[in-house]
Amino acid sequence: QVQLVESGRGRVQAGGSLRLSCAPSVSIFSISDMGWYRQAPGKERELVAAMTKTGTTNYADSVKGRFTISRDGAKNTVVLQMNSLKAEDTGVYYCYVEAGWAPPATYWGQGTQVTVSS
């Protein structure tokens, strides 16, 4: 069974940086998309950043210019570098991997807490 293992949770002050990483417990083939969602208290889960297998990236407007998503294709690891953090970035961050087809399967990480104090 595939598990996505997240690391990098933490608490920082506003303006600080954190780096989240996500790696599968076993190799995953035919990956199409990888990325990160987050859920703030009392809010719905929202897409933060995503990357396709061809390297096309997509970011939420609220994080553009501050967050960077990258991927180690050989290790199927996805990294989210978060800079200039704001209090509103606080939430639980979930990585995901979409792979396969007809239909594709989506795997999720267990969630990692990010807390930004103002």
N, C-alpha and C. Protein backbone atom coordinates (compact mmCIF):
# COMPACT_ATOMS: atom_id res chain seq x y z
N GLN A 1 0.85 -1.19 0.00
CA GLN A 1 0.00 0.00 0.00
C GLN A 1 0.89 1.24 0.00
N VAL A 2 0.54 2.17 -0.86
CA VAL A 2 1.34 3.38 -0.98
C VAL A 2 1.03 4.34 0.16
N GLN A 3 2.07 4.85 0.78
CA GLN A 3 1.91 5.91 1.77
C GLN A 3 2.82 7.07 1.37
N LEU A 4 2.32 8.28 1.58
CA LEU A 4 3.13 9.46 1.35
C LEU A 4 3.58 9.98 2.71
N VAL A 5 4.88 10.10 2.87
CA VAL A 5 5.45 10.51 4.14
C VAL A 5 5.90 11.97 4.04
N GLU A 6 5.30 12.81 4.88
CA GLU A 6 5.62 14.22 4.86
C GLU A 6 6.60 14.56 5.98
N SER A 7 7.39 15.58 5.74
CA SER A 7 8.30 16.07 6.78
C SER A 7 8.45 17.57 6.64
N GLY A 8 8.90 18.21 7.73
CA GLY A 8 9.15 19.64 7.69
C GLY A 8 8.16 20.48 8.46
N ARG A 9 7.29 19.85 9.23
CA ARG A 9 6.31 20.64 9.98
C ARG A 9 7.02 21.58 10.93
N GLY A 10 6.36 22.69 11.27
CA GLY A 10 7.02 23.58 12.20
C GLY A 10 6.22 24.82 12.50
N ARG A 11 6.81 25.60 13.40
CA ARG A 11 6.23 26.88 13.82
C ARG A 11 7.28 27.94 13.58
N VAL A 12 6.88 28.97 12.86
CA VAL A 12 7.81 30.07 12.58
C VAL A 12 7.10 31.40 12.77
N GLN A 13 7.88 32.44 12.86
CA GLN A 13 7.31 33.78 12.93
C GLN A 13 7.05 34.29 11.51
N ALA A 14 6.17 35.21 11.41
CA ALA A 14 5.86 35.81 10.11
C ALA A 14 7.14 36.34 9.48
N GLY A 15 7.27 36.08 8.19
CA GLY A 15 8.47 36.48 7.48
C GLY A 15 9.50 35.36 7.37
N GLY A 16 9.30 34.31 8.14
CA GLY A 16 10.23 33.20 8.13
C GLY A 16 9.98 32.23 6.99
N SER A 17 10.74 31.13 7.00
CA SER A 17 10.66 30.14 5.93
C SER A 17 10.53 28.74 6.51
N LEU A 18 9.91 27.89 5.74
CA LEU A 18 9.82 26.47 6.05
C LEU A 18 9.92 25.69 4.75
N ARG A 19 10.39 24.45 4.88
CA ARG A 19 10.50 23.58 3.71
C ARG A 19 9.81 22.27 4.03
N LEU A 20 8.81 21.95 3.24
CA LEU A 20 8.08 20.69 3.40
C LEU A 20 8.50 19.73 2.30
N SER A 21 8.62 18.47 2.65
CA SER A 21 8.91 17.47 1.64
C SER A 21 7.96 16.29 1.80
N CYS A 22 7.82 15.55 0.73
CA CYS A 22 6.87 14.45 0.69
C CYS A 22 7.46 13.35 -0.18
N ALA A 23 7.54 12.16 0.38
CA ALA A 23 8.11 11.05 -0.37
C ALA A 23 7.23 9.82 -0.22
N PRO A 24 7.05 9.05 -1.28
CA PRO A 24 6.25 7.84 -1.17
C PRO A 24 7.02 6.73 -0.49
N SER A 25 6.29 5.83 0.16
CA SER A 25 6.92 4.72 0.85
C SER A 25 7.41 3.65 -0.13
N VAL A 26 6.80 3.61 -1.31
CA VAL A 26 7.23 2.70 -2.36
C VAL A 26 7.22 3.47 -3.68
N SER A 27 7.87 2.93 -4.68
CA SER A 27 7.91 3.61 -5.97
C SER A 27 6.52 3.71 -6.57
N ILE A 28 6.25 4.84 -7.15
CA ILE A 28 4.98 5.08 -7.83
C ILE A 28 5.29 5.33 -9.30
N PHE A 29 4.57 4.63 -10.17
CA PHE A 29 4.81 4.76 -11.60
C PHE A 29 3.69 5.55 -12.24
N SER A 30 4.00 6.11 -13.40
CA SER A 30 3.01 6.84 -14.20
C SER A 30 2.41 8.00 -13.42
N ILE A 31 3.27 8.76 -12.74
CA ILE A 31 2.80 9.93 -12.01
C ILE A 31 2.44 11.03 -13.01
N SER A 32 1.29 11.63 -12.80
CA SER A 32 0.89 12.75 -13.64
C SER A 32 1.04 14.07 -12.90
N ASP A 33 0.53 14.14 -11.69
CA ASP A 33 0.59 15.37 -10.91
C ASP A 33 1.08 15.10 -9.49
N MET A 34 1.75 16.09 -8.93
CA MET A 34 2.13 16.06 -7.51
C MET A 34 1.93 17.46 -6.97
N GLY A 35 1.63 17.57 -5.70
CA GLY A 35 1.46 18.91 -5.17
C GLY A 35 1.06 18.94 -3.72
N TRP A 36 0.58 20.11 -3.32
CA TRP A 36 0.22 20.36 -1.93
C TRP A 36 -1.11 21.10 -1.82
N TYR A 37 -1.91 20.65 -0.90
CA TYR A 37 -3.11 21.35 -0.48
C TYR A 37 -2.88 21.80 0.97
N ARG A 38 -3.72 22.70 1.42
CA ARG A 38 -3.70 23.06 2.84
C ARG A 38 -5.13 23.32 3.32
N GLN A 39 -5.28 23.16 4.62
CA GLN A 39 -6.59 23.43 5.23
C GLN A 39 -6.37 24.23 6.50
N ALA A 40 -6.91 25.43 6.50
CA ALA A 40 -6.85 26.28 7.67
C ALA A 40 -8.06 26.00 8.56
N PRO A 41 -7.96 26.30 9.84
CA PRO A 41 -9.09 26.05 10.74
C PRO A 41 -10.36 26.73 10.26
N GLY A 42 -11.43 25.96 10.16
CA GLY A 42 -12.71 26.50 9.76
C GLY A 42 -12.86 26.77 8.28
N LYS A 43 -11.86 26.38 7.49
CA LYS A 43 -11.92 26.64 6.05
C LYS A 43 -11.81 25.34 5.27
N GLU A 44 -12.18 25.42 4.00
CA GLU A 44 -12.08 24.25 3.14
C GLU A 44 -10.63 24.04 2.69
N ARG A 45 -10.35 22.81 2.32
CA ARG A 45 -9.02 22.51 1.79
C ARG A 45 -8.84 23.22 0.46
N GLU A 46 -7.66 23.82 0.27
CA GLU A 46 -7.40 24.56 -0.97
C GLU A 46 -6.07 24.13 -1.56
N LEU A 47 -5.98 24.21 -2.88
CA LEU A 47 -4.75 23.90 -3.57
C LEU A 47 -3.74 25.01 -3.32
N VAL A 48 -2.53 24.63 -2.94
CA VAL A 48 -1.45 25.59 -2.72
C VAL A 48 -0.53 25.63 -3.94
N ALA A 49 -0.06 24.46 -4.35
CA ALA A 49 0.87 24.40 -5.48
C ALA A 49 0.83 23.00 -6.06
N ALA A 50 1.05 22.91 -7.37
CA ALA A 50 1.04 21.62 -8.04
C ALA A 50 2.03 21.66 -9.19
N MET A 51 2.48 20.47 -9.56
CA MET A 51 3.40 20.35 -10.68
C MET A 51 3.03 19.11 -11.49
N THR A 52 2.96 19.26 -12.81
CA THR A 52 2.68 18.11 -13.67
C THR A 52 3.98 17.37 -13.97
N LYS A 53 3.86 16.23 -14.63
CA LYS A 53 5.03 15.44 -14.96
C LYS A 53 5.94 16.15 -15.95
N THR A 54 5.40 17.12 -16.67
CA THR A 54 6.21 17.87 -17.62
C THR A 54 6.84 19.11 -16.99
N GLY A 55 6.54 19.35 -15.71
CA GLY A 55 7.14 20.47 -15.01
C GLY A 55 6.31 21.73 -14.96
N THR A 56 5.12 21.69 -15.52
CA THR A 56 4.24 22.86 -15.44
C THR A 56 3.76 23.04 -14.01
N THR A 57 3.87 24.26 -13.52
CA THR A 57 3.48 24.54 -12.14
C THR A 57 2.22 25.40 -12.07
N ASN A 58 1.55 25.27 -10.96
CA ASN A 58 0.34 26.04 -10.71
C ASN A 58 0.34 26.43 -9.24
N TYR A 59 0.11 27.69 -8.95
CA TYR A 59 0.13 28.18 -7.57
C TYR A 59 -1.16 28.92 -7.25
N ALA A 60 -1.56 28.85 -6.00
CA ALA A 60 -2.64 29.70 -5.53
C ALA A 60 -2.16 31.14 -5.60
N ASP A 61 -3.06 32.05 -5.91
CA ASP A 61 -2.68 33.46 -6.02
C ASP A 61 -2.04 33.97 -4.73
N SER A 62 -2.52 33.46 -3.61
CA SER A 62 -2.06 33.95 -2.32
C SER A 62 -0.61 33.58 -2.00
N VAL A 63 -0.04 32.62 -2.75
CA VAL A 63 1.33 32.18 -2.44
C VAL A 63 2.30 32.47 -3.57
N LYS A 64 1.82 32.98 -4.68
CA LYS A 64 2.70 33.26 -5.82
C LYS A 64 3.80 34.23 -5.42
N GLY A 65 5.01 33.90 -5.83
CA GLY A 65 6.15 34.73 -5.49
C GLY A 65 6.77 34.42 -4.14
N ARG A 66 6.08 33.61 -3.33
CA ARG A 66 6.60 33.26 -2.01
C ARG A 66 6.90 31.77 -1.87
N PHE A 67 6.09 30.94 -2.50
CA PHE A 67 6.25 29.48 -2.42
C PHE A 67 6.81 28.96 -3.74
N THR A 68 7.60 27.91 -3.63
CA THR A 68 8.13 27.25 -4.81
C THR A 68 7.99 25.75 -4.66
N ILE A 69 7.41 25.12 -5.66
CA ILE A 69 7.28 23.67 -5.66
C ILE A 69 8.34 23.09 -6.57
N SER A 70 8.94 21.99 -6.13
CA SER A 70 9.93 21.32 -6.95
C SER A 70 9.77 19.82 -6.78
N ARG A 71 10.39 19.10 -7.67
CA ARG A 71 10.18 17.65 -7.70
C ARG A 71 11.47 16.95 -8.05
N ASP A 72 11.75 15.90 -7.33
CA ASP A 72 12.86 15.01 -7.67
C ASP A 72 12.24 13.81 -8.35
N GLY A 73 12.28 13.80 -9.67
CA GLY A 73 11.61 12.76 -10.41
C GLY A 73 12.12 11.37 -10.10
N ALA A 74 13.41 11.25 -9.90
CA ALA A 74 14.00 9.94 -9.65
C ALA A 74 13.50 9.35 -8.33
N LYS A 75 13.27 10.21 -7.35
CA LYS A 75 12.83 9.75 -6.04
C LYS A 75 11.34 9.96 -5.83
N ASN A 76 10.68 10.54 -6.82
CA ASN A 76 9.26 10.84 -6.67
C ASN A 76 8.98 11.69 -5.44
N THR A 77 9.91 12.55 -5.09
CA THR A 77 9.76 13.43 -3.94
C THR A 77 9.32 14.81 -4.41
N VAL A 78 8.38 15.39 -3.67
CA VAL A 78 7.93 16.74 -3.99
C VAL A 78 8.22 17.63 -2.80
N VAL A 79 8.76 18.80 -3.08
CA VAL A 79 9.18 19.73 -2.04
C VAL A 79 8.45 21.06 -2.20
N LEU A 80 8.05 21.63 -1.09
CA LEU A 80 7.43 22.95 -1.09
C LEU A 80 8.28 23.87 -0.23
N GLN A 81 8.95 24.81 -0.89
CA GLN A 81 9.73 25.81 -0.18
C GLN A 81 8.84 27.01 0.06
N MET A 82 8.68 27.38 1.33
CA MET A 82 7.78 28.47 1.69
C MET A 82 8.58 29.60 2.31
N ASN A 83 8.57 30.72 1.67
CA ASN A 83 9.29 31.91 2.15
C ASN A 83 8.31 33.03 2.47
N SER A 84 8.79 34.00 3.21
CA SER A 84 7.96 35.17 3.56
C SER A 84 6.61 34.74 4.09
N LEU A 85 6.63 33.81 5.00
CA LEU A 85 5.38 33.25 5.52
C LEU A 85 4.55 34.29 6.26
N LYS A 86 3.25 34.11 6.13
CA LYS A 86 2.28 35.00 6.76
C LYS A 86 1.41 34.19 7.72
N ALA A 87 0.77 34.89 8.64
CA ALA A 87 -0.10 34.20 9.59
C ALA A 87 -1.19 33.42 8.86
N GLU A 88 -1.66 33.95 7.76
CA GLU A 88 -2.73 33.27 7.01
C GLU A 88 -2.26 32.02 6.28
N ASP A 89 -0.97 31.73 6.31
CA ASP A 89 -0.47 30.48 5.75
C ASP A 89 -0.61 29.33 6.75
N THR A 90 -1.01 29.64 7.94
CA THR A 90 -1.18 28.61 8.98
C THR A 90 -2.23 27.60 8.56
N GLY A 91 -1.92 26.34 8.78
CA GLY A 91 -2.87 25.28 8.46
C GLY A 91 -2.19 23.93 8.40
N VAL A 92 -2.95 22.94 8.05
CA VAL A 92 -2.41 21.60 7.84
C VAL A 92 -2.17 21.42 6.34
N TYR A 93 -0.96 21.06 6.01
CA TYR A 93 -0.56 20.90 4.61
C TYR A 93 -0.54 19.41 4.24
N TYR A 94 -1.16 19.10 3.13
CA TYR A 94 -1.27 17.72 2.65
C TYR A 94 -0.62 17.61 1.27
N CYS A 95 0.28 16.68 1.13
CA CYS A 95 0.80 16.42 -0.21
C CYS A 95 -0.06 15.37 -0.89
N TYR A 96 -0.01 15.37 -2.19
CA TYR A 96 -0.76 14.36 -2.95
C TYR A 96 0.04 13.98 -4.19
N VAL A 97 -0.27 12.81 -4.67
CA VAL A 97 0.30 12.29 -5.92
C VAL A 97 -0.83 11.67 -6.71
N GLU A 98 -0.93 12.03 -7.96
CA GLU A 98 -1.91 11.42 -8.86
C GLU A 98 -1.14 10.59 -9.88
N ALA A 99 -1.56 9.35 -10.03
CA ALA A 99 -0.82 8.45 -10.90
C ALA A 99 -1.76 7.46 -11.57
N GLY A 100 -1.27 6.93 -12.68
CA GLY A 100 -2.05 5.93 -13.40
C GLY A 100 -3.12 6.57 -14.26
N TRP A 101 -4.05 5.73 -14.72
CA TRP A 101 -5.10 6.24 -15.60
C TRP A 101 -6.29 5.32 -15.56
N ALA A 102 -7.40 5.80 -16.12
CA ALA A 102 -8.64 5.06 -16.32
C ALA A 102 -9.17 4.35 -15.09
N PRO A 103 -9.53 5.07 -14.03
CA PRO A 103 -9.16 6.45 -13.72
C PRO A 103 -7.86 6.51 -12.95
N PRO A 104 -7.23 7.66 -12.87
CA PRO A 104 -6.01 7.78 -12.08
C PRO A 104 -6.29 7.65 -10.59
N ALA A 105 -5.31 7.20 -9.85
CA ALA A 105 -5.42 7.08 -8.40
C ALA A 105 -4.77 8.30 -7.75
N THR A 106 -5.34 8.75 -6.65
CA THR A 106 -4.77 9.86 -5.91
C THR A 106 -4.36 9.38 -4.53
N TYR A 107 -3.11 9.63 -4.18
CA TYR A 107 -2.59 9.26 -2.87
C TYR A 107 -2.36 10.54 -2.06
N TRP A 108 -2.59 10.43 -0.74
CA TRP A 108 -2.48 11.60 0.12
C TRP A 108 -1.51 11.35 1.27
N GLY A 109 -0.83 12.42 1.67
CA GLY A 109 -0.04 12.37 2.88
C GLY A 109 -0.94 12.51 4.10
N GLN A 110 -0.34 12.32 5.26
CA GLN A 110 -1.11 12.33 6.49
C GLN A 110 -1.39 13.75 6.99
N GLY A 111 -0.73 14.72 6.41
CA GLY A 111 -0.91 16.11 6.82
C GLY A 111 0.17 16.53 7.79
N THR A 112 0.65 17.74 7.60
CA THR A 112 1.67 18.26 8.49
C THR A 112 1.31 19.71 8.88
N GLN A 113 1.44 20.01 10.16
CA GLN A 113 1.00 21.30 10.66
C GLN A 113 2.05 22.38 10.43
N VAL A 114 1.59 23.49 9.89
CA VAL A 114 2.43 24.67 9.74
C VAL A 114 1.76 25.80 10.51
N THR A 115 2.49 26.41 11.42
CA THR A 115 1.95 27.50 12.22
C THR A 115 2.84 28.72 12.06
N VAL A 116 2.24 29.82 11.65
CA VAL A 116 2.97 31.06 11.47
C VAL A 116 2.42 32.08 12.46
N SER A 117 3.25 32.55 13.33
CA SER A 117 2.82 33.51 14.34
C SER A 117 3.16 34.93 13.88
N SER A 118 2.22 35.81 14.16
CA SER A 118 2.42 37.20 13.72
C SER A 118 3.06 38.04 14.80
